[in-house]
Each structure stands twice: as structure tokens, then as C-alpha cells.
């Protein structure tokens, strides 16, 4: 009798990670833009994340374009300029109408930009690590994260020259129920206090930026540090978290490339401790005992490649 497995016994197909992008926007007060996902959203429901989404080949020429388009759809903030004068940017009503139409796929993002003589400011986006969803969840993503400083990014809707701030806002609850600027340190405090929930990649990047963006006034030195990380090995890190059991407190151990269990030197830790509740992380601790400016071990990062942005 044949012992070959039947189709019903075959292992379930592992979903391929979808290309996506996410944008960390930093304003002059060293605050970053976070959006609160609708609890009913198909992905990351109820979580606080940086704006972002999947690559749309019909609209996006690059992942940088994905990040700019999704940020506009989810928060109403647009990184684009006319090259003439920030005072002649689209009005709030025009931006809001276009945002809704683009989200409903009734208007192409590129067509809107062209109609307003706007150019997306892809040059202001700094690559800031890639993350791949571990095997397990039904939806997986390969996300390119970027950082952009508003002081360096010509934009419609942001404070620039004589223009007033355009306050980020939700998208009517379709995917986002709140959008706000908050300092990374405060966001981490809120996470520890259980006021907000974030995923491990967001916690990792918030922790990284909290160490750099000290104080409430963005400085040239701080920007240079972020730019250095972006152009160095850190910015090209591709992190694929793996589960390594639980610690004595019942927290899941997620290891990252460069950890002593993932190609790093003995005694090197690059991991997170995560406590789950109802399928979502409600407590995260980052353990990283090396200098990201000078001590990243290249042999542990086989995926240190420059992506198409």
C-alpha cells in the first residue's frame, strides 16, 4: 500500500512576504508620526504603527513612492513639492478630497501629483532597516522602513516657510482611527504602561530613535547621526525575527540577525522579549548589547544588500 502523503496531509503553503514600505516622519520637535490602526483592520488591527502599506505596482514606481503614498492616504500628510513655492501648495480641501479618492482607488496618486504640478520628495527618504514577518501569520510582509525629517523634506501640508502646520488626522476610520506626532521616548513609555501596543519592528525603531533624538528640538547633529546609520550597515540590515522559546517569565524570545544564536559572536545579544496577549504583543523589551554605529558584524547579515528604493 502506498505511503505517499495525500493532498489533505500536505503541509500548508507558507505565504510569500509581500513587498511593503513604512515611513517614520520626524518633525522639528523630535516627534514621530504614529497612526492607530482600526481594530477591525485586516492587518495589525488596533496597533500603533508608522504609516505604510503594500507596494502597488499600478501606482508605485518604487518602495519610496509606496511610503509617500500610504502616508498621505493614512494621515493626510504629503511629502511633495511644486518646486516653485510652498505657499502655492494644494489647499486642505483639495488634499482631503484627493486623499479619499486615492484610498477608494478612484484616483491614481501619480495623476493627482501631476494635476497639482507636484513632485514626490523621494530624495528625502532615508532607508532605515528592512523587516520580514516570521513564518506563522497568514499575512507576511517584507517591509522597507524609511526615515524623513520634515525640516529637509519639501512638502504640502507640513510647516515649511510661512505655511502653517497641517495636523495629521485619521482616514475616517477606514484603516486608521487616529494619527498624531509623539516623541519616541513618550511612545515607548506609553507602550510600557499599556496605553498603546506596537509590533517588534516599531519598538525597535522607536528605541533606536529615542537614543538619538534627545530633547524637544531637532538638531543638525541628530540628523547627521540618523543619516549615517541610513548610509551605513544599519540602514541595510534585513531582519527576519525567529522564535527561540520562552524565558522564565513566559516571554517569547525573538532573535534577530547578529544575535549569538544567529551568526553573531558569542555573548552578543540582538533580540527582543515579547509578552503576548490575545495574539498581540503587549509588552516588549529590546536587548541589543552592541554599538549600531560601529559594531555591526557583517558576517551575520547575509542580506546586507542595497534594495531598490
Protein backbone atom coordinates (compact mmCIF):
# COMPACT_ATOMS: atom_id res chain seq x y z
CA UNK A 1 0.00 0.00 0.00
CA UNK A 2 1.30 3.43 -0.89
CA UNK A 3 2.57 5.55 1.98
CA UNK A 4 2.74 8.74 -0.07
CA UNK A 5 1.04 11.63 1.72
CA UNK A 6 -2.33 12.70 0.36
CA UNK A 7 -3.07 16.30 -0.56
CA UNK A 8 -5.05 16.71 2.65
CA UNK A 9 -1.95 15.75 4.64
CA UNK A 10 0.37 18.10 2.77
CA UNK A 11 1.96 20.90 4.74
CA UNK A 12 0.18 24.24 4.36
CA UNK A 13 1.81 26.60 1.93
CA UNK A 14 3.90 29.28 3.59
CA UNK A 15 2.77 32.72 2.36
CA UNK A 16 5.38 34.73 0.48
CA UNK A 17 6.18 38.08 2.14
CA UNK A 18 4.59 40.96 0.24
CA UNK A 19 6.80 43.97 -0.60
CA UNK A 20 5.77 46.93 1.52
CA UNK A 21 7.09 50.20 2.89
CA UNK A 22 6.69 52.26 6.04
CA UNK A 23 7.73 55.84 6.77
CA UNK A 24 8.99 57.29 10.05
CA UNK A 25 8.39 61.04 9.83
CA UNK A 26 10.31 63.21 12.32
CA UNK A 27 9.21 66.80 12.91
CA UNK A 28 11.19 69.73 14.32
CA UNK A 29 10.21 68.76 17.87
CA UNK A 30 11.76 65.30 17.53
CA UNK A 31 8.31 63.74 17.42
CA UNK A 32 7.46 60.86 15.10
CA UNK A 33 4.17 60.22 13.34
CA UNK A 34 2.21 57.23 14.64
CA UNK A 35 -1.14 56.05 13.34
CA UNK A 36 -3.58 53.93 15.33
CA UNK A 37 -4.92 51.11 13.17
CA UNK A 38 -8.63 50.35 13.17
CA UNK A 39 -9.19 47.29 15.42
CA UNK A 40 -11.17 45.78 12.52
CA UNK A 41 -8.34 46.24 10.03
CA UNK A 42 -7.18 43.08 8.25
CA UNK A 43 -3.56 43.68 9.28
CA UNK A 44 -2.23 44.97 12.62
CA UNK A 45 -5.72 45.79 13.91
CA UNK A 46 -5.62 48.04 16.98
CA UNK A 47 -1.85 48.51 16.80
CA UNK A 48 0.08 51.78 16.69
CA UNK A 49 2.36 51.79 13.65
CA UNK A 50 4.23 54.10 11.34
CA UNK A 51 2.15 54.86 8.23
CA UNK A 52 2.76 52.45 5.39
CA UNK A 53 1.38 49.66 3.27
CA UNK A 54 1.88 47.28 0.38
CA UNK A 55 3.62 48.09 -2.88
CA UNK A 56 1.02 48.79 -5.57
CA UNK A 57 2.66 48.13 -8.92
CA UNK A 58 -0.07 50.09 -10.69
CA UNK A 59 0.76 53.24 -8.72
CA UNK A 60 4.22 52.92 -7.21
CA UNK A 61 7.45 53.10 -9.16
CA UNK A 62 9.43 52.28 -6.03
CA UNK A 63 9.06 51.44 -2.34
CA UNK A 64 9.82 55.08 -1.55
CA UNK A 65 6.73 56.02 -3.56
CA UNK A 66 4.74 53.43 -1.65
CA UNK A 67 5.81 55.02 1.63
CA UNK A 68 4.85 58.53 0.48
CA UNK A 69 1.50 57.45 -0.98
CA UNK A 70 0.48 55.37 2.03
CA UNK A 71 1.48 58.15 4.43
CA UNK A 72 -0.76 60.54 2.51
CA UNK A 73 -3.67 58.08 2.49
CA UNK A 74 -3.42 57.24 6.18
CA UNK A 75 -2.55 60.61 7.71
CA UNK A 76 -3.17 63.29 5.09
CA UNK A 77 0.47 64.40 5.17
CA UNK A 78 2.09 64.66 1.76
CA UNK A 79 5.83 64.71 1.09
CA UNK A 80 5.84 66.53 -2.23
CA UNK A 81 6.60 69.98 -3.57
CA UNK A 82 5.95 72.06 -6.66
CA UNK A 83 9.48 73.38 -6.90
CA UNK A 84 8.06 76.88 -7.08
CA UNK A 85 6.93 77.95 -3.64
CA UNK A 86 5.49 76.11 -0.66
CA UNK A 87 2.91 78.89 -0.40
CA UNK A 88 1.26 77.69 -3.60
CA UNK A 89 0.62 74.13 -2.44
CA UNK A 90 -2.81 72.49 -2.60
CA UNK A 91 -5.42 73.62 -0.08
CA UNK A 92 -6.52 71.36 2.74
CA UNK A 93 -9.83 70.71 0.97
CA UNK A 94 -8.03 69.63 -2.22
CA UNK A 95 -5.71 67.35 -0.25
CA UNK A 96 -8.59 65.79 1.69
CA UNK A 97 -10.65 65.16 -1.44
CA UNK A 98 -7.70 63.61 -3.28
CA UNK A 99 -6.74 61.51 -0.30
CA UNK A 100 -10.22 59.98 -0.11
CA UNK A 101 -10.37 59.36 -3.88
CA UNK A 102 -6.94 57.71 -3.91
CA UNK A 103 -7.87 55.48 -0.98
CA UNK A 104 -11.06 54.45 -2.82
CA UNK A 105 -8.95 53.76 -5.94
CA UNK A 106 -10.92 56.33 -7.90
CA UNK A 107 -7.80 58.43 -8.50
CA UNK A 108 -4.21 57.41 -9.13
CA UNK A 109 -1.69 59.01 -6.81
CA UNK A 110 0.59 59.94 -9.71
CA UNK A 111 -2.31 61.57 -11.58
CA UNK A 112 -3.10 63.71 -8.55
CA UNK A 113 0.52 64.81 -8.21
CA UNK A 114 0.70 65.72 -11.89
CA UNK A 115 -2.56 67.67 -11.74
CA UNK A 116 -1.10 69.80 -8.94
CA UNK A 117 2.39 70.09 -10.51
CA UNK A 118 3.85 68.25 -7.53
CA UNK A 119 6.91 66.04 -7.31
CA UNK A 120 7.16 63.36 -4.61
CA UNK A 121 10.18 64.03 -2.43
CA UNK A 122 11.65 60.55 -2.62
CA UNK A 123 15.13 62.01 -2.11
CA UNK A 124 14.34 62.89 1.50
CA UNK A 125 13.60 59.28 2.47
CA UNK A 126 16.44 57.53 4.31
CA UNK A 127 16.45 53.69 4.29
CA UNK A 128 16.30 52.51 7.90
CA UNK A 129 16.28 48.67 8.01
CA UNK A 130 14.10 46.03 6.40
CA UNK A 131 11.92 43.56 8.29
CA UNK A 132 10.41 40.24 7.21
CA UNK A 133 7.39 38.79 9.01
CA UNK A 134 8.28 35.42 10.57
CA UNK A 135 6.63 32.24 9.32
CA UNK A 136 3.30 31.65 11.05
CA UNK A 137 0.94 34.57 10.46
CA UNK A 138 -1.40 34.21 7.45
CA UNK A 139 -0.10 37.52 6.06
CA UNK A 140 3.62 38.17 5.75
CA UNK A 141 5.42 41.33 4.67
CA UNK A 142 8.91 42.33 3.60
CA UNK A 143 8.91 45.94 4.74
CA UNK A 144 11.40 48.63 3.86
CA UNK A 145 11.40 51.28 6.58
CA UNK A 146 12.41 54.86 5.83
CA UNK A 147 13.02 57.97 7.94
CA UNK A 148 12.29 61.51 6.73
CA UNK A 149 12.90 64.81 8.52
CA UNK A 150 10.33 67.50 7.87
CA UNK A 151 12.96 70.24 8.02
CA UNK A 152 14.59 68.68 4.95
CA UNK A 153 11.50 67.50 3.12
CA UNK A 154 9.63 69.99 0.93
CA UNK A 155 6.00 69.10 1.43
CA UNK A 156 2.40 70.12 1.02
CA UNK A 157 0.64 70.15 4.33
CA UNK A 158 3.66 70.42 6.58
CA UNK A 159 5.15 73.53 8.17
CA UNK A 160 7.51 74.96 5.59
CA UNK A 161 8.48 78.59 5.35
CA UNK A 162 5.40 80.70 6.02
CA UNK A 163 2.94 77.79 5.81
CA UNK A 164 1.14 76.60 8.91
CA UNK A 165 1.18 73.04 10.21
CA UNK A 166 -1.32 70.68 8.68
CA UNK A 167 -2.33 68.42 11.55
CA UNK A 168 -2.24 64.71 10.70
CA UNK A 169 -5.63 63.08 11.03
CA UNK A 170 -7.25 59.69 10.63
CA UNK A 171 -8.77 58.45 7.38
CA UNK A 172 -12.34 58.34 8.61
CA UNK A 173 -11.77 55.04 10.38
CA UNK A 174 -11.30 53.05 7.18
CA UNK A 175 -7.86 51.84 8.27
CA UNK A 176 -6.73 54.47 10.77
CA UNK A 177 -8.68 55.89 13.72
CA UNK A 178 -6.01 58.30 14.97
CA UNK A 179 -2.84 59.96 13.71
CA UNK A 180 -0.52 62.03 15.90
CA UNK A 181 3.05 63.15 16.45
CA UNK A 182 4.66 61.86 19.64
CA UNK A 183 8.25 61.77 20.90
CA UNK A 184 9.78 58.27 20.63
CA UNK A 185 10.53 58.21 24.37
CA UNK A 186 6.92 59.07 25.22
CA UNK A 187 5.66 56.43 22.79
CA UNK A 188 7.86 53.83 24.48
CA UNK A 189 6.61 54.93 27.91
CA UNK A 190 3.01 54.60 26.70
CA UNK A 191 3.82 51.13 25.40
CA UNK A 192 5.31 50.05 28.74
CA UNK A 193 2.30 51.48 30.57
CA UNK A 194 -0.09 49.52 28.36
CA UNK A 195 -1.63 52.63 26.79
CA UNK A 196 -0.64 51.62 23.26
CA UNK A 197 0.54 48.43 21.58
CA UNK A 198 3.24 48.27 18.93
CA UNK A 199 4.86 45.48 16.95
CA UNK A 200 8.53 44.49 17.49
CA UNK A 201 9.83 46.39 14.40
CA UNK A 202 8.18 49.62 15.57
CA UNK A 203 9.50 49.10 19.09
CA UNK A 204 12.99 48.51 17.70
CA UNK A 205 12.99 51.69 15.62
CA UNK A 206 11.38 53.79 18.35
CA UNK A 207 14.09 52.62 20.76
CA UNK A 208 16.82 53.41 18.24
CA UNK A 209 15.48 56.91 17.57
CA UNK A 210 14.79 57.64 21.25
CA UNK A 211 18.53 57.25 21.91
CA UNK A 212 19.37 59.73 19.15
CA UNK A 213 16.55 62.29 19.23
CA UNK A 214 17.19 63.67 22.69
CA UNK A 215 15.26 66.76 23.73
CA UNK A 216 12.42 68.61 22.04
CA UNK A 217 14.38 70.40 19.30
CA UNK A 218 15.74 68.60 16.27
CA UNK A 219 19.42 69.38 15.66
CA UNK A 220 21.76 69.03 12.70
CA UNK A 221 23.92 66.62 14.72
CA UNK A 222 20.93 64.35 15.36
CA UNK A 223 20.02 64.35 11.70
CA UNK A 224 23.59 63.51 10.73
CA UNK A 225 23.56 60.52 13.10
CA UNK A 226 20.40 59.16 11.50
CA UNK A 227 21.80 59.83 8.02
CA UNK A 228 24.99 57.98 8.97
CA UNK A 229 23.04 54.94 10.15
CA UNK A 230 20.96 55.00 6.98
CA UNK A 231 24.01 55.03 4.72
CA UNK A 232 25.94 52.51 6.81
CA UNK A 233 25.33 48.84 7.64
CA UNK A 234 22.41 49.59 9.96
CA UNK A 235 20.30 51.09 7.20
CA UNK A 236 20.73 47.96 5.08
CA UNK A 237 20.02 45.41 7.81
CA UNK A 238 17.35 42.91 6.81
CA UNK A 239 15.86 41.42 9.97
CA UNK A 240 13.90 38.19 9.98
CA UNK A 241 12.84 37.51 13.60
CA UNK A 242 12.91 33.91 14.81
CA UNK A 243 11.28 32.46 17.90
CA UNK A 244 13.66 30.92 20.46
CA UNK A 245 11.35 29.52 23.10
CA UNK A 246 10.37 31.46 26.21
CA UNK A 247 12.24 32.92 29.16
CA UNK A 248 11.49 32.17 32.82
CA UNK A 249 8.81 34.87 32.84
CA UNK A 250 6.89 33.37 29.95
CA UNK A 251 8.05 35.96 27.44
CA UNK A 252 8.70 34.87 23.87
CA UNK A 253 12.34 35.29 22.83
CA UNK A 254 12.63 36.72 19.32
CA UNK A 255 16.16 36.61 17.94
CA UNK A 256 17.45 38.91 15.23
CA UNK A 257 20.35 38.54 12.82
CA UNK A 258 23.62 39.23 14.65
CA UNK A 259 22.49 37.57 17.87
CA UNK A 260 24.87 34.90 19.18
CA UNK A 261 22.31 32.32 18.02
CA UNK A 262 22.05 33.94 14.57
CA UNK A 263 25.63 34.24 13.36
CA UNK A 264 26.89 36.79 15.88
CA UNK A 265 29.87 36.46 18.22
CA UNK A 266 29.44 34.59 21.49
CA UNK A 267 27.88 36.83 24.11
CA UNK A 268 26.30 39.13 21.54
CA UNK A 269 22.59 39.73 22.01
CA UNK A 270 20.28 41.08 19.36
CA UNK A 271 16.82 40.02 20.43
CA UNK A 272 13.51 41.05 21.94
CA UNK A 273 11.47 39.64 24.81
CA UNK A 274 7.78 39.75 23.96
CA UNK A 275 4.76 39.00 26.12
CA UNK A 276 1.66 38.23 24.11
CA UNK A 277 -2.00 38.80 24.95
CA UNK A 278 -4.90 37.85 22.67
CA UNK A 279 -2.46 37.20 19.85
CA UNK A 280 -0.82 40.64 20.03
CA UNK A 281 2.30 41.89 21.86
CA UNK A 282 1.50 43.92 24.96
CA UNK A 283 5.00 44.01 26.46
CA UNK A 284 8.32 44.25 24.62
CA UNK A 285 11.92 44.61 25.78
CA UNK A 286 14.80 45.13 23.34
CA UNK A 287 18.17 43.56 24.18
CA UNK A 288 20.97 44.89 21.97
CA UNK A 289 24.41 44.97 23.56
CA UNK A 290 26.48 46.38 20.70
CA UNK A 291 27.03 49.80 19.14
CA UNK A 292 24.95 50.12 15.98
CA UNK A 293 27.28 52.86 14.73
CA UNK A 294 30.46 50.79 14.78
CA UNK A 295 29.95 47.19 15.92
CA UNK A 296 27.56 45.56 13.45
CA UNK A 297 29.08 42.24 12.37
CA UNK A 298 28.65 41.91 8.62
CA UNK A 299 29.09 38.14 8.57
CA UNK A 300 25.82 37.80 10.49
CA UNK A 301 23.86 39.72 7.88
CA UNK A 302 23.85 37.78 4.64
CA UNK A 303 21.02 40.05 3.48
CA UNK A 304 23.02 43.26 3.73
CA UNK A 305 22.15 44.41 0.23
CA UNK A 306 21.04 47.71 -1.18
CA UNK A 307 17.35 47.35 -2.08
CA UNK A 308 15.59 49.04 -4.97
CA UNK A 309 14.04 52.04 -3.27
